[in-house]
N, C-alpha and C. Protein backbone atom coordinates (compact mmCIF):
# COMPACT_ATOMS: atom_id res chain seq x y z
N MET A 1 -37.72 -1.66 -2.36
CA MET A 1 -37.66 -2.07 -3.74
C MET A 1 -37.08 -0.92 -4.56
N ARG A 2 -36.09 -1.21 -5.34
CA ARG A 2 -35.45 -0.20 -6.18
C ARG A 2 -36.26 0.01 -7.46
N ALA A 3 -36.31 1.25 -7.92
CA ALA A 3 -37.03 1.57 -9.15
C ALA A 3 -36.34 0.89 -10.34
N THR A 4 -37.13 0.39 -11.26
CA THR A 4 -36.57 -0.34 -12.39
C THR A 4 -35.81 0.57 -13.35
N TRP A 5 -36.19 1.84 -13.43
CA TRP A 5 -35.50 2.72 -14.35
C TRP A 5 -34.09 3.05 -13.89
N LYS A 6 -33.81 2.86 -12.60
CA LYS A 6 -32.46 3.11 -12.08
C LYS A 6 -31.51 1.96 -12.42
N GLY A 7 -32.02 0.76 -12.53
CA GLY A 7 -31.17 -0.39 -12.80
C GLY A 7 -30.57 -0.96 -11.53
N PRO A 8 -29.87 -2.08 -11.63
CA PRO A 8 -29.28 -2.70 -10.44
C PRO A 8 -28.08 -1.91 -9.93
N PHE A 9 -27.88 -1.94 -8.60
CA PHE A 9 -26.77 -1.21 -7.99
C PHE A 9 -25.60 -2.15 -7.76
N ILE A 10 -24.41 -1.65 -8.06
CA ILE A 10 -23.18 -2.36 -7.72
C ILE A 10 -22.08 -1.34 -7.54
N ASP A 11 -21.23 -1.56 -6.54
CA ASP A 11 -20.08 -0.69 -6.34
C ASP A 11 -19.10 -0.87 -7.49
N LEU A 12 -18.53 0.21 -7.96
CA LEU A 12 -17.61 0.14 -9.09
C LEU A 12 -16.34 -0.62 -8.75
N ILE A 13 -15.92 -0.57 -7.48
CA ILE A 13 -14.70 -1.29 -7.07
C ILE A 13 -14.90 -2.80 -7.24
N ILE A 14 -16.08 -3.30 -6.87
CA ILE A 14 -16.36 -4.73 -7.02
C ILE A 14 -16.35 -5.12 -8.49
N LEU A 15 -16.97 -4.29 -9.30
CA LEU A 15 -17.02 -4.57 -10.74
C LEU A 15 -15.63 -4.59 -11.36
N LYS A 16 -14.76 -3.67 -10.94
CA LYS A 16 -13.40 -3.62 -11.47
C LYS A 16 -12.59 -4.85 -11.03
N ARG A 17 -12.75 -5.26 -9.77
CA ARG A 17 -12.01 -6.42 -9.27
C ARG A 17 -12.42 -7.70 -9.98
N VAL A 18 -13.73 -7.87 -10.16
CA VAL A 18 -14.21 -9.08 -10.82
C VAL A 18 -13.82 -9.08 -12.30
N ASP A 19 -13.89 -7.92 -12.94
CA ASP A 19 -13.47 -7.84 -14.35
C ASP A 19 -12.00 -8.18 -14.52
N SER A 20 -11.16 -7.74 -13.57
CA SER A 20 -9.74 -8.07 -13.66
C SER A 20 -9.51 -9.57 -13.45
N LEU A 21 -10.30 -10.20 -12.57
CA LEU A 21 -10.20 -11.66 -12.39
C LEU A 21 -10.59 -12.40 -13.66
N LEU A 22 -11.67 -11.95 -14.28
CA LEU A 22 -12.13 -12.61 -15.50
C LEU A 22 -11.19 -12.35 -16.66
N LYS A 23 -10.56 -11.19 -16.66
CA LYS A 23 -9.63 -10.83 -17.74
C LYS A 23 -8.39 -11.73 -17.71
N PHE A 24 -7.87 -11.96 -16.51
CA PHE A 24 -6.67 -12.79 -16.37
C PHE A 24 -7.00 -14.26 -16.09
N LYS A 25 -8.28 -14.59 -16.03
CA LYS A 25 -8.77 -15.96 -15.85
C LYS A 25 -8.20 -16.62 -14.59
N THR A 26 -8.21 -15.87 -13.49
CA THR A 26 -7.78 -16.42 -12.21
C THR A 26 -8.98 -16.43 -11.28
N ARG A 27 -9.78 -17.48 -11.34
CA ARG A 27 -10.99 -17.57 -10.53
C ARG A 27 -10.70 -18.08 -9.12
N LYS A 28 -9.49 -18.53 -8.85
CA LYS A 28 -9.19 -19.10 -7.55
C LYS A 28 -8.95 -18.03 -6.48
N LYS A 29 -8.71 -16.81 -6.90
CA LYS A 29 -8.46 -15.73 -5.95
C LYS A 29 -9.78 -15.30 -5.30
N ILE A 30 -9.73 -14.95 -4.02
CA ILE A 30 -10.91 -14.53 -3.28
C ILE A 30 -11.00 -13.00 -3.32
N VAL A 31 -12.18 -12.50 -3.66
CA VAL A 31 -12.42 -11.06 -3.73
C VAL A 31 -13.06 -10.62 -2.42
N LYS A 32 -12.44 -9.67 -1.72
CA LYS A 32 -13.01 -9.14 -0.48
C LYS A 32 -14.02 -8.05 -0.81
N ILE A 33 -15.21 -8.15 -0.20
CA ILE A 33 -16.29 -7.22 -0.49
C ILE A 33 -16.79 -6.60 0.81
N LEU A 34 -16.79 -5.27 0.84
CA LEU A 34 -17.32 -4.54 1.98
C LEU A 34 -18.74 -4.03 1.71
N SER A 35 -19.11 -3.93 0.45
CA SER A 35 -20.42 -3.41 0.07
C SER A 35 -21.43 -4.54 0.05
N ARG A 36 -22.20 -4.68 1.13
CA ARG A 36 -23.19 -5.74 1.23
C ARG A 36 -24.43 -5.43 0.41
N ARG A 37 -24.59 -4.18 0.00
CA ARG A 37 -25.79 -3.75 -0.71
C ARG A 37 -25.72 -3.97 -2.21
N SER A 38 -24.58 -4.40 -2.71
CA SER A 38 -24.41 -4.60 -4.15
C SER A 38 -25.09 -5.89 -4.60
N ILE A 39 -25.62 -5.87 -5.82
CA ILE A 39 -26.33 -7.02 -6.37
C ILE A 39 -25.34 -7.95 -7.08
N ILE A 40 -25.59 -9.25 -7.00
CA ILE A 40 -24.74 -10.24 -7.64
C ILE A 40 -25.16 -10.39 -9.10
N PHE A 41 -24.23 -10.17 -10.01
CA PHE A 41 -24.49 -10.27 -11.45
C PHE A 41 -24.20 -11.68 -11.94
N PRO A 42 -24.77 -12.07 -13.09
CA PRO A 42 -24.51 -13.41 -13.64
C PRO A 42 -23.05 -13.64 -14.01
N SER A 43 -22.30 -12.58 -14.29
CA SER A 43 -20.89 -12.75 -14.65
C SER A 43 -20.03 -13.14 -13.44
N PHE A 44 -20.57 -13.04 -12.23
CA PHE A 44 -19.83 -13.39 -11.01
C PHE A 44 -19.91 -14.87 -10.70
N PHE A 45 -20.62 -15.65 -11.50
CA PHE A 45 -20.83 -17.07 -11.23
C PHE A 45 -19.50 -17.82 -11.15
N GLY A 46 -19.30 -18.57 -10.06
CA GLY A 46 -18.10 -19.37 -9.88
C GLY A 46 -16.97 -18.67 -9.17
N ILE A 47 -17.12 -17.41 -8.83
CA ILE A 47 -16.06 -16.65 -8.17
C ILE A 47 -16.22 -16.77 -6.65
N SER A 48 -15.13 -16.94 -5.94
CA SER A 48 -15.15 -16.97 -4.48
C SER A 48 -15.05 -15.55 -3.95
N VAL A 49 -15.94 -15.22 -3.01
CA VAL A 49 -15.95 -13.87 -2.43
C VAL A 49 -15.92 -13.98 -0.91
N ALA A 50 -15.41 -12.93 -0.29
CA ALA A 50 -15.41 -12.81 1.17
C ALA A 50 -16.17 -11.54 1.51
N VAL A 51 -17.34 -11.68 2.12
CA VAL A 51 -18.21 -10.54 2.44
C VAL A 51 -18.05 -10.22 3.92
N PHE A 52 -17.88 -8.95 4.23
CA PHE A 52 -17.68 -8.50 5.61
C PHE A 52 -19.02 -8.44 6.32
N ASN A 53 -19.12 -9.07 7.50
CA ASN A 53 -20.37 -9.06 8.24
C ASN A 53 -20.34 -8.14 9.46
N GLY A 54 -19.32 -7.32 9.58
CA GLY A 54 -19.20 -6.40 10.70
C GLY A 54 -18.12 -6.81 11.67
N LYS A 55 -17.78 -8.08 11.69
CA LYS A 55 -16.75 -8.58 12.59
C LYS A 55 -15.63 -9.28 11.82
N ASN A 56 -16.01 -10.14 10.89
CA ASN A 56 -15.03 -10.85 10.08
C ASN A 56 -15.60 -11.11 8.69
N PHE A 57 -14.81 -11.73 7.84
CA PHE A 57 -15.24 -12.00 6.47
C PHE A 57 -15.82 -13.41 6.37
N VAL A 58 -16.95 -13.52 5.68
CA VAL A 58 -17.60 -14.80 5.43
C VAL A 58 -17.31 -15.18 3.98
N ILE A 59 -16.67 -16.33 3.78
CA ILE A 59 -16.24 -16.75 2.45
C ILE A 59 -17.25 -17.74 1.87
N PHE A 60 -17.64 -17.49 0.62
CA PHE A 60 -18.50 -18.42 -0.10
C PHE A 60 -18.28 -18.27 -1.59
N CYS A 61 -18.69 -19.29 -2.32
CA CYS A 61 -18.58 -19.29 -3.78
C CYS A 61 -19.96 -18.97 -4.36
N ILE A 62 -20.01 -18.13 -5.38
CA ILE A 62 -21.27 -17.69 -5.95
C ILE A 62 -21.82 -18.77 -6.88
N SER A 63 -23.08 -19.15 -6.64
CA SER A 63 -23.75 -20.15 -7.47
C SER A 63 -24.84 -19.47 -8.30
N LYS A 64 -25.48 -20.23 -9.16
CA LYS A 64 -26.52 -19.67 -10.03
C LYS A 64 -27.73 -19.20 -9.23
N ASN A 65 -28.00 -19.82 -8.09
CA ASN A 65 -29.15 -19.43 -7.27
C ASN A 65 -28.97 -18.07 -6.62
N MET A 66 -27.74 -17.62 -6.47
CA MET A 66 -27.45 -16.36 -5.79
C MET A 66 -27.57 -15.14 -6.70
N VAL A 67 -27.62 -15.36 -8.00
CA VAL A 67 -27.66 -14.25 -8.96
C VAL A 67 -28.95 -13.45 -8.77
N GLY A 68 -28.82 -12.13 -8.67
CA GLY A 68 -29.97 -11.25 -8.47
C GLY A 68 -30.18 -10.87 -7.02
N HIS A 69 -29.55 -11.59 -6.10
CA HIS A 69 -29.64 -11.24 -4.69
C HIS A 69 -28.50 -10.30 -4.32
N LYS A 70 -28.51 -9.84 -3.08
CA LYS A 70 -27.44 -8.95 -2.61
C LYS A 70 -26.42 -9.76 -1.82
N PHE A 71 -25.19 -9.27 -1.78
CA PHE A 71 -24.12 -9.97 -1.08
C PHE A 71 -24.43 -10.11 0.41
N GLY A 72 -25.07 -9.13 1.00
CA GLY A 72 -25.36 -9.14 2.43
C GLY A 72 -26.33 -10.22 2.86
N GLU A 73 -27.10 -10.75 1.92
CA GLU A 73 -28.06 -11.80 2.27
C GLU A 73 -27.37 -13.11 2.65
N PHE A 74 -26.13 -13.28 2.25
CA PHE A 74 -25.43 -14.55 2.47
C PHE A 74 -24.38 -14.46 3.58
N ALA A 75 -24.20 -13.27 4.16
CA ALA A 75 -23.28 -13.10 5.28
C ALA A 75 -24.07 -12.53 6.45
N LEU A 76 -24.51 -13.41 7.33
CA LEU A 76 -25.36 -12.99 8.44
C LEU A 76 -24.57 -12.15 9.43
N THR A 77 -25.22 -11.11 9.97
CA THR A 77 -24.54 -10.21 10.89
C THR A 77 -24.83 -10.55 12.35
N LYS A 78 -25.90 -11.26 12.59
CA LYS A 78 -26.27 -11.60 13.97
C LYS A 78 -26.15 -13.09 14.18
N LYS A 79 -25.72 -13.46 15.36
CA LYS A 79 -25.55 -14.87 15.70
C LYS A 79 -26.91 -15.47 16.03
N PHE A 80 -27.25 -16.57 15.39
CA PHE A 80 -28.52 -17.23 15.63
C PHE A 80 -28.40 -18.11 16.86
N THR A 81 -29.29 -17.90 17.83
CA THR A 81 -29.33 -18.74 19.03
C THR A 81 -30.76 -19.22 19.22
N HIS A 82 -30.89 -20.47 19.59
CA HIS A 82 -32.20 -21.04 19.86
C HIS A 82 -32.55 -20.75 21.31
N LYS A 83 -33.71 -20.18 21.53
CA LYS A 83 -34.11 -19.80 22.88
C LYS A 83 -34.81 -20.96 23.58
N ASN A 84 -34.32 -21.28 24.76
CA ASN A 84 -34.92 -22.34 25.57
C ASN A 84 -35.87 -21.73 26.58
N ASN A 85 -37.07 -22.28 26.69
CA ASN A 85 -38.05 -21.77 27.66
C ASN A 85 -38.06 -22.60 28.90
């Protein structure tokens, strides 16, 4: 848990890329994100992002439910397999 006095963490590169998208009003472009630890801000709503999971990029669109979570929560790094006994 991060201390509240520090505030939310976000990489400056992500913030600059999203601000440039909002400035030119081009929401159709996909933003590639390598920083899985960054928090999703409310201003990112509706933007398509590609988050790196260690092997390839996972593409998804940010919804209202994702705000406040981290990018890494939505790009799984391990393959889920059901174990048969």
